[in-house]
Amino acid sequence: MIGAEARYRALLRVLPAWYRADRGDEMVGTLLDLHGEQDRKALWSELWAVLALGLRTRLAARAAPARTVALGDLVRQVALLGLLWDVLRSACFATGTLWTLLTFSGPYPGNFRAAMTSDLITELIPLAAALIPLVLLVDGWRRLARITAGAILAVGAIWFLAKHSGPEAIAYFAPQWIPLVLLLAAFHRDAPLPPARPWWWIVGGSLLLAPVLAFRFALPGDLDRITGLSPLVWLCALAGAGYLLLRLRSAPRPAWTLALALCIALAVIQNLVLKNGIIPFDAIVLAQVCCAGAIVVALTVVGIRDYRRTVVKG
């Protein structure tokens, strides 16, 4: 039993130290009792419950140290903003493809339309994969949102293993999958749901804004160059600057601030990786990256300062 106790205590390290100090001995005792009774079904059920509890306590929303709650809030905000970014980006691409499909009048229209229709379907899939879990979560269907996210991840993993190989493919699909993983991890039964009214406005506004951003393809060449890597990068920079201005009149929200900084940084990096060799790194792109980078730095500094004021010292 000494070896079993050592294994169970090692397993309990999935729980944070503050939780183990309070209930660690009791939980080890329960596991040892089930081990001694040879009740494998109950033991495996208890072990699974410990793993799930470890996730909930490390990303807690209440009844936990302030730093733990802050980490959980940060992960939840990154999940929401990541899904929103996927919705906006996929909707923008799908709208651009649809506009090209409807307006094309060049040679071989049949072959071109067949190819563009295939591209449109391919772009609608990631849009649905991000939009459906986000809408379900905002509407209060937490369990269904998590089941949907898990199913999308499972199907995506199977499809990826069948069709792709190599780290470059993983880098391409990671921005689509990471928010779903974070949704599964952070929006557990003890976590608060996102406020419905503002998030309905945000999601609806993103879907209305996507066609406007997609029409960059209709701009003359000189104006199209102004978009740089993507109009979405300019939008991220404007959103970050707007948030900083609103932040001056609102209470400190370190989780929101740091999550926005992280997501803008990832959006810029993603566009740099995807557009490498396609769009020249000229003065417009340099200005765009510097502008977005300055916003990320400002958000990070403000977020760290708010975290120290409200969490560390509070």
Protein backbone atom coordinates (compact mmCIF):
# COMPACT_ATOMS: atom_id res chain seq x y z
CA MET A 1 0.00 0.00 0.00
CA ILE A 2 2.99 2.31 0.48
CA GLY A 3 3.67 2.19 -3.27
CA ALA A 4 0.00 2.85 -4.03
CA GLU A 5 -0.07 5.80 -1.63
CA ALA A 6 3.01 7.30 -3.32
CA ARG A 7 1.38 6.94 -6.74
CA TYR A 8 -1.86 8.54 -5.57
CA ARG A 9 -0.04 11.42 -3.92
CA ALA A 10 1.87 11.95 -7.16
CA LEU A 11 -1.43 11.93 -9.05
CA LEU A 12 -2.88 14.52 -6.70
CA ARG A 13 -0.23 16.94 -7.84
CA VAL A 14 -2.61 17.78 -10.67
CA LEU A 15 -4.40 19.73 -7.93
CA PRO A 16 -2.97 23.09 -6.83
CA ALA A 17 -1.03 23.23 -3.58
CA TRP A 18 -3.68 25.27 -1.75
CA TYR A 19 -6.30 22.59 -2.47
CA ARG A 20 -4.01 19.67 -1.59
CA ALA A 21 -3.19 21.29 1.74
CA ASP A 22 -6.88 21.37 2.62
CA ARG A 23 -8.15 18.04 1.27
CA GLY A 24 -5.16 16.08 0.00
CA ASP A 25 -4.97 13.56 2.85
CA GLU A 26 -8.70 12.92 2.70
CA MET A 27 -8.60 12.23 -1.03
CA VAL A 28 -5.59 9.91 -0.73
CA GLY A 29 -7.45 8.01 1.97
CA THR A 30 -10.48 7.59 -0.29
CA LEU A 31 -8.33 6.31 -3.16
CA LEU A 32 -6.51 3.86 -0.88
CA ASP A 33 -9.82 2.52 0.41
CA LEU A 34 -11.05 1.89 -3.12
CA HIS A 35 -7.67 0.34 -4.00
CA GLY A 36 -7.89 -2.02 -1.05
CA GLU A 37 -11.47 -3.01 -1.92
CA GLN A 38 -10.39 -3.83 -5.50
CA ASP A 39 -13.29 -1.76 -6.80
CA ARG A 40 -11.75 -0.89 -10.14
CA LYS A 41 -14.81 0.84 -11.57
CA ALA A 42 -15.18 3.16 -8.59
CA LEU A 43 -11.41 3.74 -8.47
CA TRP A 44 -11.19 4.75 -12.12
CA SER A 45 -14.23 6.98 -11.68
CA GLU A 46 -12.54 8.66 -8.71
CA LEU A 47 -9.29 9.10 -10.62
CA TRP A 48 -11.12 10.72 -13.52
CA ALA A 49 -12.90 13.00 -11.06
CA VAL A 50 -9.54 14.03 -9.60
CA LEU A 51 -8.23 14.98 -13.06
CA ALA A 52 -11.37 17.01 -13.80
CA LEU A 53 -11.13 18.64 -10.36
CA GLY A 54 -7.50 19.56 -11.05
CA LEU A 55 -8.60 21.46 -14.16
CA ARG A 56 -11.43 23.22 -12.35
CA THR A 57 -9.28 24.27 -9.41
CA ARG A 58 -6.36 25.49 -11.49
CA LEU A 59 -8.73 27.56 -13.65
CA ALA A 60 -11.13 28.43 -10.85
CA ALA A 61 -13.66 31.24 -10.95
CA ARG A 62 -14.38 31.54 -7.23
CA ALA A 63 -13.52 30.01 -3.83
CA ALA A 64 -9.83 30.08 -4.74
CA PRO A 65 -6.81 32.36 -4.27
CA ALA A 66 -6.98 35.59 -6.26
CA ARG A 67 -4.11 34.59 -8.54
CA THR A 68 -5.82 31.33 -9.47
CA VAL A 69 -9.07 33.13 -10.27
CA ALA A 70 -7.13 35.68 -12.34
CA LEU A 71 -5.51 32.88 -14.37
CA GLY A 72 -8.90 31.26 -14.97
CA ASP A 73 -10.40 34.57 -16.08
CA LEU A 74 -7.48 35.15 -18.44
CA VAL A 75 -7.87 31.74 -20.09
CA ARG A 76 -11.63 32.24 -20.46
CA GLN A 77 -11.16 35.63 -22.12
CA VAL A 78 -8.51 34.25 -24.48
CA ALA A 79 -10.91 31.46 -25.46
CA LEU A 80 -13.69 33.94 -26.23
CA LEU A 81 -11.48 36.36 -28.14
CA GLY A 82 -9.83 33.48 -30.01
CA LEU A 83 -13.20 32.15 -31.15
CA LEU A 84 -14.29 35.67 -32.12
CA TRP A 85 -11.11 36.11 -34.18
CA ASP A 86 -11.75 32.82 -35.96
CA VAL A 87 -15.33 33.88 -36.71
CA LEU A 88 -14.29 37.27 -38.09
CA ARG A 89 -11.37 35.90 -40.11
CA SER A 90 -13.32 32.96 -41.57
CA ALA A 91 -16.35 35.14 -42.37
CA CYS A 92 -14.08 37.65 -44.10
CA PHE A 93 -12.45 34.97 -46.25
CA ALA A 94 -15.78 33.30 -47.07
CA THR A 95 -17.37 36.60 -48.07
CA GLY A 96 -14.41 37.48 -50.29
CA THR A 97 -14.60 34.11 -52.01
CA LEU A 98 -18.37 34.44 -52.47
CA TRP A 99 -17.98 37.92 -53.97
CA THR A 100 -15.31 36.65 -56.40
CA LEU A 101 -17.52 33.71 -57.34
CA LEU A 102 -20.51 35.93 -58.08
CA THR A 103 -18.63 38.59 -60.04
CA PHE A 104 -16.19 36.48 -62.08
CA SER A 105 -16.71 36.79 -65.83
CA GLY A 106 -13.37 35.58 -67.23
CA PRO A 107 -12.50 32.51 -69.29
CA TYR A 108 -13.47 28.97 -68.27
CA PRO A 109 -16.26 30.08 -65.91
CA GLY A 110 -17.40 26.53 -65.23
CA ASN A 111 -14.05 25.28 -63.95
CA PHE A 112 -13.40 28.49 -62.04
CA ARG A 113 -16.78 28.43 -60.32
CA ALA A 114 -16.38 24.80 -59.37
CA ALA A 115 -13.01 25.55 -57.78
CA MET A 116 -14.31 28.65 -56.01
CA THR A 117 -17.37 26.78 -54.74
CA SER A 118 -15.07 24.16 -53.25
CA ASP A 119 -13.00 26.94 -51.64
CA LEU A 120 -16.15 28.56 -50.25
CA ILE A 121 -17.26 25.32 -48.62
CA THR A 122 -13.78 24.84 -47.20
CA GLU A 123 -13.90 28.33 -45.67
CA LEU A 124 -17.42 27.92 -44.27
CA ILE A 125 -16.34 24.88 -42.24
CA PRO A 126 -13.94 26.77 -39.92
CA LEU A 127 -16.52 29.56 -39.66
CA ALA A 128 -19.10 27.09 -38.37
CA ALA A 129 -16.50 25.40 -36.14
CA ALA A 130 -15.87 28.69 -34.32
CA LEU A 131 -19.33 30.29 -34.53
CA ILE A 132 -21.44 27.38 -33.25
CA PRO A 133 -19.59 26.80 -29.93
CA LEU A 134 -19.36 30.56 -29.35
CA VAL A 135 -23.07 31.13 -29.95
CA LEU A 136 -24.02 28.17 -27.77
CA LEU A 137 -21.83 29.45 -24.95
CA VAL A 138 -23.16 33.01 -25.18
CA ASP A 139 -26.72 31.67 -25.22
CA GLY A 140 -26.09 29.78 -21.97
CA TRP A 141 -25.76 26.23 -23.35
CA ARG A 142 -22.48 25.54 -21.58
CA ARG A 143 -22.60 21.74 -21.71
CA LEU A 144 -23.69 21.64 -25.34
CA ALA A 145 -21.01 24.18 -26.27
CA ARG A 146 -18.32 22.03 -24.66
CA ILE A 147 -19.64 18.85 -26.29
CA THR A 148 -19.67 20.61 -29.66
CA ALA A 149 -16.12 21.91 -29.14
CA GLY A 150 -14.94 18.42 -28.19
CA ALA A 151 -16.61 16.87 -31.23
CA ILE A 152 -15.08 19.47 -33.55
CA LEU A 153 -11.64 18.84 -32.07
CA ALA A 154 -12.03 15.07 -32.42
CA VAL A 155 -13.19 15.27 -36.05
CA GLY A 156 -10.50 17.85 -36.82
CA ALA A 157 -7.79 15.67 -35.32
CA ILE A 158 -8.89 12.63 -37.34
CA TRP A 159 -9.09 14.66 -40.53
CA PHE A 160 -5.70 16.25 -39.84
CA LEU A 161 -3.99 12.90 -39.28
CA ALA A 162 -5.51 11.57 -42.49
CA LYS A 163 -4.67 14.55 -44.70
CA HIS A 164 -1.66 16.37 -43.27
CA SER A 165 1.73 15.85 -41.69
CA GLY A 166 4.50 18.11 -40.50
CA PRO A 167 4.80 21.01 -38.06
CA GLU A 168 3.90 23.65 -40.66
CA ALA A 169 0.39 22.20 -40.95
CA ILE A 170 0.02 22.21 -37.17
CA ALA A 171 1.00 25.89 -37.10
CA TYR A 172 -1.67 26.61 -39.70
CA PHE A 173 -4.51 24.90 -37.83
CA ALA A 174 -3.46 25.72 -34.25
CA PRO A 175 -5.23 29.13 -34.13
CA GLN A 176 -8.49 27.37 -34.98
CA TRP A 177 -8.08 24.62 -32.38
CA ILE A 178 -6.53 26.38 -29.39
CA PRO A 179 -9.65 28.45 -28.51
CA LEU A 180 -11.74 25.28 -28.57
CA VAL A 181 -9.29 23.56 -26.22
CA LEU A 182 -9.38 26.56 -23.88
CA LEU A 183 -13.19 26.58 -23.99
CA LEU A 184 -13.23 22.95 -22.88
CA ALA A 185 -10.72 23.59 -20.11
CA ALA A 186 -11.86 26.91 -18.68
CA PHE A 187 -15.66 26.97 -19.05
CA HIS A 188 -16.29 24.20 -16.55
CA ARG A 189 -19.45 24.00 -14.47
CA ASP A 190 -18.14 26.40 -11.82
CA ALA A 191 -17.09 29.09 -14.30
CA PRO A 192 -19.32 32.05 -15.15
CA LEU A 193 -20.82 32.31 -18.62
CA PRO A 194 -19.97 35.34 -20.77
CA PRO A 195 -22.51 38.18 -20.44
CA ALA A 196 -25.07 37.52 -23.14
CA ARG A 197 -26.12 41.02 -24.26
CA PRO A 198 -22.69 42.52 -25.05
CA TRP A 199 -21.47 39.31 -26.62
CA TRP A 200 -24.50 39.07 -28.91
CA TRP A 201 -23.68 42.59 -30.09
CA ILE A 202 -20.00 41.66 -30.56
CA VAL A 203 -20.73 38.49 -32.53
CA GLY A 204 -23.40 40.15 -34.65
CA GLY A 205 -21.18 43.16 -35.32
CA SER A 206 -18.33 40.89 -36.38
CA LEU A 207 -20.52 39.09 -38.90
CA LEU A 208 -21.70 42.43 -40.32
CA LEU A 209 -18.18 43.83 -40.43
CA ALA A 210 -16.66 40.83 -42.23
CA PRO A 211 -18.17 41.65 -45.67
CA VAL A 212 -16.87 45.23 -45.42
CA LEU A 213 -13.35 43.97 -44.75
CA ALA A 214 -13.65 41.36 -47.50
CA PHE A 215 -14.31 43.99 -50.16
CA ARG A 216 -10.66 45.02 -50.06
CA PHE A 217 -10.38 42.79 -53.14
CA ALA A 218 -12.52 45.31 -55.05
CA LEU A 219 -10.20 48.21 -54.27
CA PRO A 220 -7.80 49.62 -56.85
CA GLY A 221 -4.22 48.44 -56.52
CA ASP A 222 -2.93 51.57 -54.75
CA LEU A 223 -5.67 51.46 -52.13
CA ASP A 224 -5.41 47.71 -51.72
CA ARG A 225 -1.74 48.11 -50.72
CA ILE A 226 -2.83 50.15 -47.69
CA THR A 227 -4.38 47.04 -46.16
CA GLY A 228 -0.89 45.56 -45.74
CA LEU A 229 -0.94 42.07 -44.30
CA SER A 230 -4.68 42.18 -43.81
CA PRO A 231 -7.36 44.73 -42.90
CA LEU A 232 -7.98 42.50 -39.90
CA VAL A 233 -4.59 43.52 -38.48
CA TRP A 234 -5.56 47.19 -38.72
CA LEU A 235 -8.85 46.30 -37.06
CA CYS A 236 -7.03 44.57 -34.19
CA ALA A 237 -4.85 47.64 -33.66
CA LEU A 238 -7.90 49.92 -33.64
CA ALA A 239 -9.71 47.60 -31.23
CA GLY A 240 -6.75 47.62 -28.87
CA ALA A 241 -6.45 51.41 -29.02
CA GLY A 242 -10.17 51.81 -28.45
CA TYR A 243 -10.02 49.50 -25.47
CA LEU A 244 -7.19 51.52 -23.94
CA LEU A 245 -9.26 54.70 -24.28
CA LEU A 246 -12.31 53.05 -22.69
CA ARG A 247 -10.09 51.56 -20.01
CA LEU A 248 -9.40 55.08 -18.69
CA ARG A 249 -13.09 55.38 -17.66
CA SER A 250 -13.64 51.85 -16.35
CA ALA A 251 -12.44 49.65 -13.53
CA PRO A 252 -9.20 47.69 -14.05
CA ARG A 253 -9.73 44.38 -15.84
CA PRO A 254 -6.34 42.69 -16.06
CA ALA A 255 -7.72 39.47 -17.58
CA TRP A 256 -9.40 41.33 -20.45
CA THR A 257 -6.39 43.57 -21.03
CA LEU A 258 -3.81 40.78 -21.10
CA ALA A 259 -6.08 38.52 -23.17
CA LEU A 260 -6.54 41.24 -25.77
CA ALA A 261 -2.77 41.86 -25.90
CA LEU A 262 -2.09 38.14 -26.38
CA CYS A 263 -4.74 37.69 -29.07
CA ILE A 264 -3.62 40.74 -31.07
CA ALA A 265 -0.02 39.50 -30.92
CA LEU A 266 -1.07 36.05 -32.13
CA ALA A 267 -3.17 37.58 -34.92
CA VAL A 268 -0.21 39.60 -36.19
CA ILE A 269 2.11 36.59 -35.98
CA GLN A 270 -0.41 34.38 -37.77
CA ASN A 271 -0.72 36.86 -40.64
CA LEU A 272 3.04 37.25 -40.88
CA VAL A 273 3.48 33.48 -41.14
CA LEU A 274 0.65 32.93 -43.61
CA LYS A 275 1.55 35.90 -45.85
CA ASN A 276 5.31 35.31 -45.83
CA GLY A 277 6.50 35.49 -49.42
CA ILE A 278 3.05 36.50 -50.71
CA ILE A 279 2.86 40.11 -49.56
CA PRO A 280 6.12 42.11 -49.67
CA PHE A 281 7.38 43.43 -46.35
CA ASP A 282 7.22 47.06 -47.46
CA ALA A 283 6.70 50.31 -45.57
CA ILE A 284 2.94 49.73 -45.18
CA VAL A 285 3.44 46.29 -43.64
CA LEU A 286 6.21 47.60 -41.41
CA ALA A 287 4.00 50.44 -40.20
CA GLN A 288 1.14 48.02 -39.62
CA VAL A 289 3.28 45.61 -37.58
CA CYS A 290 4.84 48.45 -35.57
CA CYS A 291 1.44 49.99 -34.84
CA ALA A 292 -0.06 46.69 -33.72
CA GLY A 293 3.12 45.89 -31.75
CA ALA A 294 2.95 49.22 -29.93
CA ILE A 295 -0.67 48.52 -28.98
CA VAL A 296 0.31 45.06 -27.71
CA VAL A 297 3.10 46.53 -25.58
CA ALA A 298 0.78 49.19 -24.16
CA LEU A 299 -1.90 46.62 -23.35
CA THR A 300 0.65 44.34 -21.70
CA VAL A 301 2.04 47.13 -19.52
CA VAL A 302 -1.44 48.26 -18.47
CA GLY A 303 -2.55 44.67 -17.86
CA ILE A 304 0.46 43.87 -15.67
CA ARG A 305 -0.04 47.09 -13.71
CA ASP A 306 -3.74 46.32 -13.18
CA TYR A 307 -2.89 42.76 -12.17
CA ARG A 308 -0.48 43.97 -9.51
CA ARG A 309 -2.97 46.50 -8.20
CA THR A 310 -6.10 44.32 -8.13
CA VAL A 311 -4.72 40.81 -7.61
CA VAL A 312 -1.27 40.88 -6.01
CA LYS A 313 -1.90 43.79 -3.65
CA GLY A 314 -5.65 43.32 -3.41
